Amino acid sequence: MIKLLENLKFDEKGLIPVIIQDEKSKSVLTLCYMNEEALKKTVEEGRIYVYRRSKGKLMLKGETSGCVQKVKALYIDCEGNSLLFEVEQNIAACHEGFFTCYFRKVSKDGSMETVGKRIFDPKKVYK
C-alpha cells in the first residue's frame, strides 16, 4: 500500500478521482473521489469506499442500497493523478436506479435521452 501511495498525486483537498468500471461489460459505472482512508479501506476489504464530498465523510459504496462493488482490479494512470477500479457490480451503481450513472445520452443539439433501463425504484430504496 505504501508503494501505491507514493505513486499517487492527491489534490489540495487530499482527494483523487476514481473511475469505477464494470469488469464484465466494461461500462463506466461512475466517477467518484477517494481520500487516503477510502483507498486503504477499499484495498484492504476489496469493496469500494468513497469520500462523499457533499456529506464530508467516508462511505461504503452501496451501504444504503445494498448495491456493493467488489474490487476485481486496480489501475493507476500514467501521471498518478487518477485511479480506475474494475468491479463486480451488484444490482446497480447509480442512486437513481440505473446500472450506470451514465444513462443519459446527449445529442448534438444538447438534448438528452435516457438510454439505460431503471433497475430499481430509488424511492423504495432510499427512504
N, C-alpha and C. Protein backbone atom coordinates (compact mmCIF):
# COMPACT_ATOMS: atom_id res chain seq x y z
N MET A 1 0.82 -1.20 0.00
CA MET A 1 0.00 0.00 0.00
C MET A 1 0.87 1.26 0.00
N ILE A 2 1.96 1.22 0.74
CA ILE A 2 2.85 2.39 0.80
C ILE A 2 3.39 2.71 -0.58
N LYS A 3 3.78 1.66 -1.33
CA LYS A 3 4.32 1.87 -2.67
C LYS A 3 3.28 2.54 -3.57
N LEU A 4 2.02 2.10 -3.48
CA LEU A 4 0.94 2.72 -4.26
C LEU A 4 0.78 4.18 -3.87
N LEU A 5 0.70 4.47 -2.59
CA LEU A 5 0.50 5.85 -2.12
C LEU A 5 1.64 6.76 -2.57
N GLU A 6 2.85 6.25 -2.63
CA GLU A 6 3.99 7.06 -3.07
C GLU A 6 3.87 7.46 -4.54
N ASN A 7 3.08 6.71 -5.31
CA ASN A 7 2.93 6.99 -6.73
C ASN A 7 1.68 7.80 -7.07
N LEU A 8 0.94 8.20 -6.06
CA LEU A 8 -0.31 8.93 -6.30
C LEU A 8 -0.17 10.41 -6.00
N LYS A 9 -0.93 11.20 -6.75
CA LYS A 9 -0.96 12.65 -6.56
C LYS A 9 -2.38 13.04 -6.15
N PHE A 10 -2.60 13.15 -4.85
CA PHE A 10 -3.88 13.62 -4.34
C PHE A 10 -3.95 15.13 -4.53
N ASP A 11 -5.15 15.68 -4.71
CA ASP A 11 -5.28 17.13 -4.90
C ASP A 11 -5.11 17.86 -3.57
N GLU A 12 -5.28 19.18 -3.61
CA GLU A 12 -5.07 20.02 -2.42
C GLU A 12 -6.04 19.70 -1.29
N LYS A 13 -7.15 19.02 -1.60
CA LYS A 13 -8.12 18.61 -0.57
C LYS A 13 -7.88 17.18 -0.11
N GLY A 14 -6.81 16.56 -0.63
CA GLY A 14 -6.48 15.20 -0.25
C GLY A 14 -7.30 14.14 -0.97
N LEU A 15 -7.83 14.50 -2.15
CA LEU A 15 -8.69 13.60 -2.92
C LEU A 15 -8.07 13.23 -4.25
N ILE A 16 -8.49 12.08 -4.77
CA ILE A 16 -8.07 11.63 -6.09
C ILE A 16 -9.31 11.12 -6.82
N PRO A 17 -9.50 11.50 -8.11
CA PRO A 17 -10.65 10.99 -8.86
C PRO A 17 -10.48 9.51 -9.20
N VAL A 18 -11.60 8.80 -9.13
CA VAL A 18 -11.60 7.36 -9.34
C VAL A 18 -12.72 6.98 -10.30
N ILE A 19 -12.37 6.29 -11.36
CA ILE A 19 -13.35 5.76 -12.30
C ILE A 19 -13.68 4.34 -11.86
N ILE A 20 -14.97 4.04 -11.79
CA ILE A 20 -15.41 2.70 -11.45
C ILE A 20 -16.01 2.08 -12.71
N GLN A 21 -15.49 0.93 -13.10
CA GLN A 21 -15.88 0.26 -14.36
C GLN A 21 -16.33 -1.16 -14.05
N ASP A 22 -17.41 -1.59 -14.70
CA ASP A 22 -17.88 -2.96 -14.55
C ASP A 22 -16.91 -3.91 -15.23
N GLU A 23 -16.49 -4.92 -14.51
CA GLU A 23 -15.49 -5.87 -15.03
C GLU A 23 -16.00 -6.61 -16.27
N LYS A 24 -17.25 -7.02 -16.26
CA LYS A 24 -17.77 -7.83 -17.37
C LYS A 24 -18.12 -7.00 -18.60
N SER A 25 -18.95 -5.99 -18.43
CA SER A 25 -19.44 -5.22 -19.59
C SER A 25 -18.47 -4.13 -20.02
N LYS A 26 -17.56 -3.77 -19.14
CA LYS A 26 -16.61 -2.65 -19.35
C LYS A 26 -17.31 -1.30 -19.35
N SER A 27 -18.57 -1.26 -18.96
CA SER A 27 -19.29 0.01 -18.83
C SER A 27 -18.68 0.83 -17.70
N VAL A 28 -18.53 2.13 -17.94
CA VAL A 28 -18.12 3.02 -16.86
C VAL A 28 -19.35 3.22 -15.99
N LEU A 29 -19.22 2.90 -14.71
CA LEU A 29 -20.35 2.99 -13.79
C LEU A 29 -20.48 4.36 -13.16
N THR A 30 -19.36 4.91 -12.72
CA THR A 30 -19.41 6.21 -12.08
C THR A 30 -18.01 6.80 -11.95
N LEU A 31 -17.95 8.06 -11.60
CA LEU A 31 -16.72 8.75 -11.23
C LEU A 31 -16.93 9.20 -9.79
N CYS A 32 -16.00 8.87 -8.94
CA CYS A 32 -16.11 9.28 -7.54
C CYS A 32 -14.74 9.77 -7.08
N TYR A 33 -14.65 10.08 -5.81
CA TYR A 33 -13.39 10.55 -5.23
C TYR A 33 -13.05 9.71 -4.02
N MET A 34 -11.77 9.49 -3.82
CA MET A 34 -11.28 8.80 -2.64
C MET A 34 -10.24 9.67 -1.96
N ASN A 35 -10.24 9.60 -0.64
CA ASN A 35 -9.11 10.14 0.11
C ASN A 35 -8.24 8.93 0.48
N GLU A 36 -7.17 9.17 1.20
CA GLU A 36 -6.26 8.07 1.52
C GLU A 36 -6.97 6.98 2.34
N GLU A 37 -7.82 7.39 3.28
CA GLU A 37 -8.54 6.42 4.11
C GLU A 37 -9.47 5.54 3.27
N ALA A 38 -10.20 6.15 2.34
CA ALA A 38 -11.11 5.39 1.46
C ALA A 38 -10.33 4.40 0.61
N LEU A 39 -9.19 4.84 0.09
CA LEU A 39 -8.37 3.95 -0.74
C LEU A 39 -7.84 2.78 0.10
N LYS A 40 -7.35 3.05 1.28
CA LYS A 40 -6.83 1.99 2.14
C LYS A 40 -7.91 0.96 2.47
N LYS A 41 -9.10 1.43 2.85
CA LYS A 41 -10.19 0.51 3.19
C LYS A 41 -10.63 -0.29 1.97
N THR A 42 -10.65 0.36 0.81
CA THR A 42 -11.03 -0.32 -0.43
C THR A 42 -10.06 -1.46 -0.73
N VAL A 43 -8.77 -1.16 -0.65
CA VAL A 43 -7.75 -2.17 -0.95
C VAL A 43 -7.78 -3.29 0.10
N GLU A 44 -7.92 -2.93 1.36
CA GLU A 44 -7.92 -3.92 2.44
C GLU A 44 -9.14 -4.84 2.38
N GLU A 45 -10.32 -4.27 2.16
CA GLU A 45 -11.57 -5.04 2.22
C GLU A 45 -12.05 -5.58 0.88
N GLY A 46 -11.55 -5.01 -0.21
CA GLY A 46 -11.98 -5.47 -1.53
C GLY A 46 -13.37 -4.99 -1.93
N ARG A 47 -13.86 -3.95 -1.27
CA ARG A 47 -15.13 -3.30 -1.62
C ARG A 47 -14.86 -1.80 -1.74
N ILE A 48 -15.59 -1.14 -2.63
CA ILE A 48 -15.33 0.28 -2.90
C ILE A 48 -15.85 1.17 -1.77
N TYR A 49 -14.94 1.99 -1.25
CA TYR A 49 -15.28 3.06 -0.32
C TYR A 49 -15.01 4.37 -1.04
N VAL A 50 -15.82 5.36 -0.81
CA VAL A 50 -15.65 6.66 -1.45
C VAL A 50 -15.67 7.75 -0.39
N TYR A 51 -15.10 8.89 -0.76
CA TYR A 51 -15.22 10.07 0.09
C TYR A 51 -16.32 10.92 -0.51
N ARG A 52 -17.43 11.03 0.19
CA ARG A 52 -18.58 11.82 -0.29
C ARG A 52 -18.33 13.28 0.02
N ARG A 53 -17.99 14.04 -1.00
CA ARG A 53 -17.70 15.46 -0.82
C ARG A 53 -18.90 16.22 -0.30
N SER A 54 -20.09 15.86 -0.78
CA SER A 54 -21.31 16.57 -0.37
C SER A 54 -21.64 16.34 1.10
N LYS A 55 -21.22 15.21 1.65
CA LYS A 55 -21.50 14.89 3.05
C LYS A 55 -20.26 15.02 3.93
N GLY A 56 -19.10 15.18 3.30
CA GLY A 56 -17.85 15.33 4.04
C GLY A 56 -17.49 14.10 4.85
N LYS A 57 -17.78 12.91 4.27
CA LYS A 57 -17.46 11.69 5.03
C LYS A 57 -17.18 10.51 4.13
N LEU A 58 -16.57 9.50 4.73
CA LEU A 58 -16.26 8.25 4.07
C LEU A 58 -17.51 7.38 4.06
N MET A 59 -17.77 6.72 2.90
CA MET A 59 -18.93 5.84 2.80
C MET A 59 -18.59 4.60 1.98
N LEU A 60 -19.16 3.48 2.37
CA LEU A 60 -19.08 2.26 1.58
C LEU A 60 -20.06 2.41 0.43
N LYS A 61 -19.61 2.23 -0.80
CA LYS A 61 -20.49 2.33 -1.96
C LYS A 61 -21.52 1.21 -1.85
N GLY A 62 -22.79 1.60 -1.81
CA GLY A 62 -23.88 0.63 -1.70
C GLY A 62 -24.30 0.33 -0.28
N GLU A 63 -23.80 1.08 0.70
CA GLU A 63 -24.16 0.78 2.09
C GLU A 63 -25.64 0.97 2.38
N THR A 64 -26.30 1.87 1.68
CA THR A 64 -27.74 2.07 1.87
C THR A 64 -28.55 1.17 0.95
N SER A 65 -28.14 1.06 -0.29
CA SER A 65 -28.91 0.34 -1.30
C SER A 65 -28.63 -1.16 -1.34
N GLY A 66 -27.47 -1.56 -0.84
CA GLY A 66 -27.06 -2.96 -0.96
C GLY A 66 -26.35 -3.26 -2.27
N CYS A 67 -26.16 -2.25 -3.10
CA CYS A 67 -25.52 -2.40 -4.41
C CYS A 67 -24.00 -2.24 -4.28
N VAL A 68 -23.37 -3.13 -3.55
CA VAL A 68 -21.94 -3.04 -3.29
C VAL A 68 -21.13 -3.37 -4.54
N GLN A 69 -19.90 -2.89 -4.53
CA GLN A 69 -18.99 -3.12 -5.64
C GLN A 69 -17.77 -3.88 -5.13
N LYS A 70 -17.56 -5.09 -5.65
CA LYS A 70 -16.41 -5.90 -5.25
C LYS A 70 -15.25 -5.63 -6.20
N VAL A 71 -14.11 -5.30 -5.66
CA VAL A 71 -12.92 -4.95 -6.45
C VAL A 71 -12.37 -6.19 -7.13
N LYS A 72 -12.13 -6.06 -8.43
CA LYS A 72 -11.50 -7.13 -9.21
C LYS A 72 -10.11 -6.73 -9.69
N ALA A 73 -9.91 -5.42 -9.95
CA ALA A 73 -8.59 -4.94 -10.41
C ALA A 73 -8.48 -3.45 -10.13
N LEU A 74 -7.26 -3.00 -9.96
CA LEU A 74 -6.96 -1.59 -9.73
C LEU A 74 -5.89 -1.15 -10.71
N TYR A 75 -6.13 0.00 -11.36
CA TYR A 75 -5.16 0.58 -12.30
C TYR A 75 -4.88 2.02 -11.89
N ILE A 76 -3.67 2.45 -12.16
CA ILE A 76 -3.25 3.83 -11.91
C ILE A 76 -2.90 4.46 -13.26
N ASP A 77 -3.27 5.71 -13.46
CA ASP A 77 -2.96 6.34 -14.74
C ASP A 77 -1.49 6.73 -14.82
N CYS A 78 -1.06 7.17 -16.00
CA CYS A 78 0.36 7.42 -16.28
C CYS A 78 0.96 8.53 -15.42
N GLU A 79 0.15 9.45 -14.92
CA GLU A 79 0.67 10.55 -14.11
C GLU A 79 0.42 10.36 -12.62
N GLY A 80 -0.30 9.31 -12.26
CA GLY A 80 -0.57 9.06 -10.85
C GLY A 80 -1.62 9.98 -10.24
N ASN A 81 -2.44 10.60 -11.11
CA ASN A 81 -3.44 11.52 -10.58
C ASN A 81 -4.88 11.04 -10.72
N SER A 82 -5.08 9.78 -11.09
CA SER A 82 -6.41 9.18 -11.07
C SER A 82 -6.27 7.66 -11.04
N LEU A 83 -7.35 7.02 -10.61
CA LEU A 83 -7.39 5.56 -10.50
C LEU A 83 -8.57 5.01 -11.27
N LEU A 84 -8.46 3.75 -11.63
CA LEU A 84 -9.55 3.02 -12.27
C LEU A 84 -9.69 1.69 -11.54
N PHE A 85 -10.90 1.44 -11.05
CA PHE A 85 -11.20 0.16 -10.43
C PHE A 85 -12.14 -0.60 -11.33
N GLU A 86 -11.81 -1.86 -11.62
CA GLU A 86 -12.76 -2.77 -12.24
C GLU A 86 -13.44 -3.50 -11.10
N VAL A 87 -14.77 -3.58 -11.17
CA VAL A 87 -15.54 -4.16 -10.08
C VAL A 87 -16.57 -5.16 -10.58
N GLU A 88 -17.00 -6.00 -9.67
CA GLU A 88 -18.17 -6.83 -9.88
C GLU A 88 -19.32 -6.03 -9.27
N GLN A 89 -20.20 -5.53 -10.12
CA GLN A 89 -21.29 -4.68 -9.64
C GLN A 89 -22.48 -5.53 -9.23
N ASN A 90 -22.96 -5.30 -8.02
CA ASN A 90 -24.16 -5.96 -7.51
C ASN A 90 -25.36 -5.04 -7.77
N ILE A 91 -26.30 -5.46 -8.56
CA ILE A 91 -27.56 -4.79 -8.90
C ILE A 91 -27.31 -3.57 -9.78
N ALA A 92 -27.06 -2.40 -9.18
CA ALA A 92 -26.90 -1.16 -9.95
C ALA A 92 -25.92 -0.23 -9.25
N ALA A 93 -25.27 0.63 -10.01
CA ALA A 93 -24.29 1.56 -9.44
C ALA A 93 -24.88 2.93 -9.14
N CYS A 94 -25.93 3.30 -9.83
CA CYS A 94 -26.47 4.66 -9.76
C CYS A 94 -27.56 4.78 -8.70
N HIS A 95 -27.50 5.86 -7.93
CA HIS A 95 -28.52 6.09 -6.90
C HIS A 95 -29.89 6.41 -7.50
N GLU A 96 -29.95 6.61 -8.82
CA GLU A 96 -31.24 6.81 -9.48
C GLU A 96 -31.82 5.49 -9.99
N GLY A 97 -31.15 4.39 -9.68
CA GLY A 97 -31.68 3.07 -10.00
C GLY A 97 -31.22 2.47 -11.31
N PHE A 98 -30.25 3.08 -11.97
CA PHE A 98 -29.72 2.57 -13.24
C PHE A 98 -28.42 1.81 -12.98
N PHE A 99 -28.07 0.90 -13.90
CA PHE A 99 -26.84 0.12 -13.76
C PHE A 99 -25.62 1.04 -13.72
N THR A 100 -25.60 2.05 -14.57
CA THR A 100 -24.51 3.02 -14.63
C THR A 100 -25.06 4.42 -14.39
N CYS A 101 -24.22 5.29 -13.87
CA CYS A 101 -24.62 6.69 -13.69
C CYS A 101 -24.71 7.42 -15.03
N TYR A 102 -24.14 6.83 -16.07
CA TYR A 102 -24.12 7.44 -17.40
C TYR A 102 -25.24 6.85 -18.26
N PHE A 103 -26.48 7.13 -17.87
CA PHE A 103 -27.64 6.57 -18.56
C PHE A 103 -28.33 7.59 -19.46
N ARG A 104 -27.78 8.80 -19.54
CA ARG A 104 -28.36 9.83 -20.40
C ARG A 104 -27.40 10.16 -21.53
N LYS A 105 -27.87 10.02 -22.74
CA LYS A 105 -27.07 10.33 -23.93
C LYS A 105 -27.42 11.73 -24.40
N VAL A 106 -26.39 12.52 -24.68
CA VAL A 106 -26.58 13.90 -25.12
C VAL A 106 -26.40 13.98 -26.62
N SER A 107 -27.37 14.58 -27.30
CA SER A 107 -27.28 14.73 -28.76
C SER A 107 -26.54 16.02 -29.10
N LYS A 108 -26.29 16.22 -30.38
CA LYS A 108 -25.54 17.40 -30.82
C LYS A 108 -26.24 18.71 -30.47
N ASP A 109 -27.57 18.68 -30.40
CA ASP A 109 -28.30 19.91 -30.07
C ASP A 109 -28.41 20.13 -28.55
N GLY A 110 -27.82 19.22 -27.77
CA GLY A 110 -27.81 19.37 -26.32
C GLY A 110 -28.95 18.69 -25.60
N SER A 111 -29.87 18.13 -26.34
CA SER A 111 -30.98 17.43 -25.69
C SER A 111 -30.49 16.09 -25.15
N MET A 112 -31.20 15.58 -24.16
CA MET A 112 -30.79 14.33 -23.53
C MET A 112 -31.86 13.26 -23.71
N GLU A 113 -31.37 12.03 -23.84
CA GLU A 113 -32.24 10.87 -23.99
C GLU A 113 -31.79 9.81 -22.99
N THR A 114 -32.74 9.24 -22.26
CA THR A 114 -32.42 8.15 -21.35
C THR A 114 -32.21 6.90 -22.17
N VAL A 115 -31.02 6.31 -22.06
CA VAL A 115 -30.69 5.12 -22.84
C VAL A 115 -30.55 3.87 -21.97
N GLY A 116 -30.49 4.06 -20.67
CA GLY A 116 -30.39 2.94 -19.77
C GLY A 116 -31.75 2.52 -19.25
N LYS A 117 -31.78 1.34 -18.67
CA LYS A 117 -33.01 0.81 -18.09
C LYS A 117 -32.93 0.93 -16.56
N ARG A 118 -33.97 1.48 -15.96
CA ARG A 118 -34.00 1.59 -14.50
C ARG A 118 -34.17 0.20 -13.91
N ILE A 119 -33.30 -0.15 -12.97
CA ILE A 119 -33.29 -1.48 -12.37
C ILE A 119 -34.08 -1.52 -11.06
N PHE A 120 -34.02 -0.41 -10.32
CA PHE A 120 -34.80 -0.35 -9.08
C PHE A 120 -35.36 1.05 -8.89
N ASP A 121 -36.38 1.15 -8.05
CA ASP A 121 -37.03 2.42 -7.75
C ASP A 121 -36.31 3.06 -6.57
N PRO A 122 -35.61 4.17 -6.79
CA PRO A 122 -34.84 4.78 -5.70
C PRO A 122 -35.72 5.24 -4.53
N LYS A 123 -36.99 5.57 -4.77
CA LYS A 123 -37.88 5.99 -3.68
C LYS A 123 -38.13 4.87 -2.69
N LYS A 124 -38.04 3.64 -3.17
CA LYS A 124 -38.24 2.49 -2.29
C LYS A 124 -36.95 2.10 -1.56
N VAL A 125 -35.82 2.45 -2.14
CA VAL A 125 -34.52 2.08 -1.57
C VAL A 125 -34.00 3.13 -0.59
N TYR A 126 -34.11 4.40 -0.96
CA TYR A 126 -33.57 5.50 -0.15
C TYR A 126 -34.73 6.21 0.54
N LYS A 127 -35.05 5.79 1.71
CA LYS A 127 -36.19 6.37 2.44
C LYS A 127 -35.78 7.48 3.34
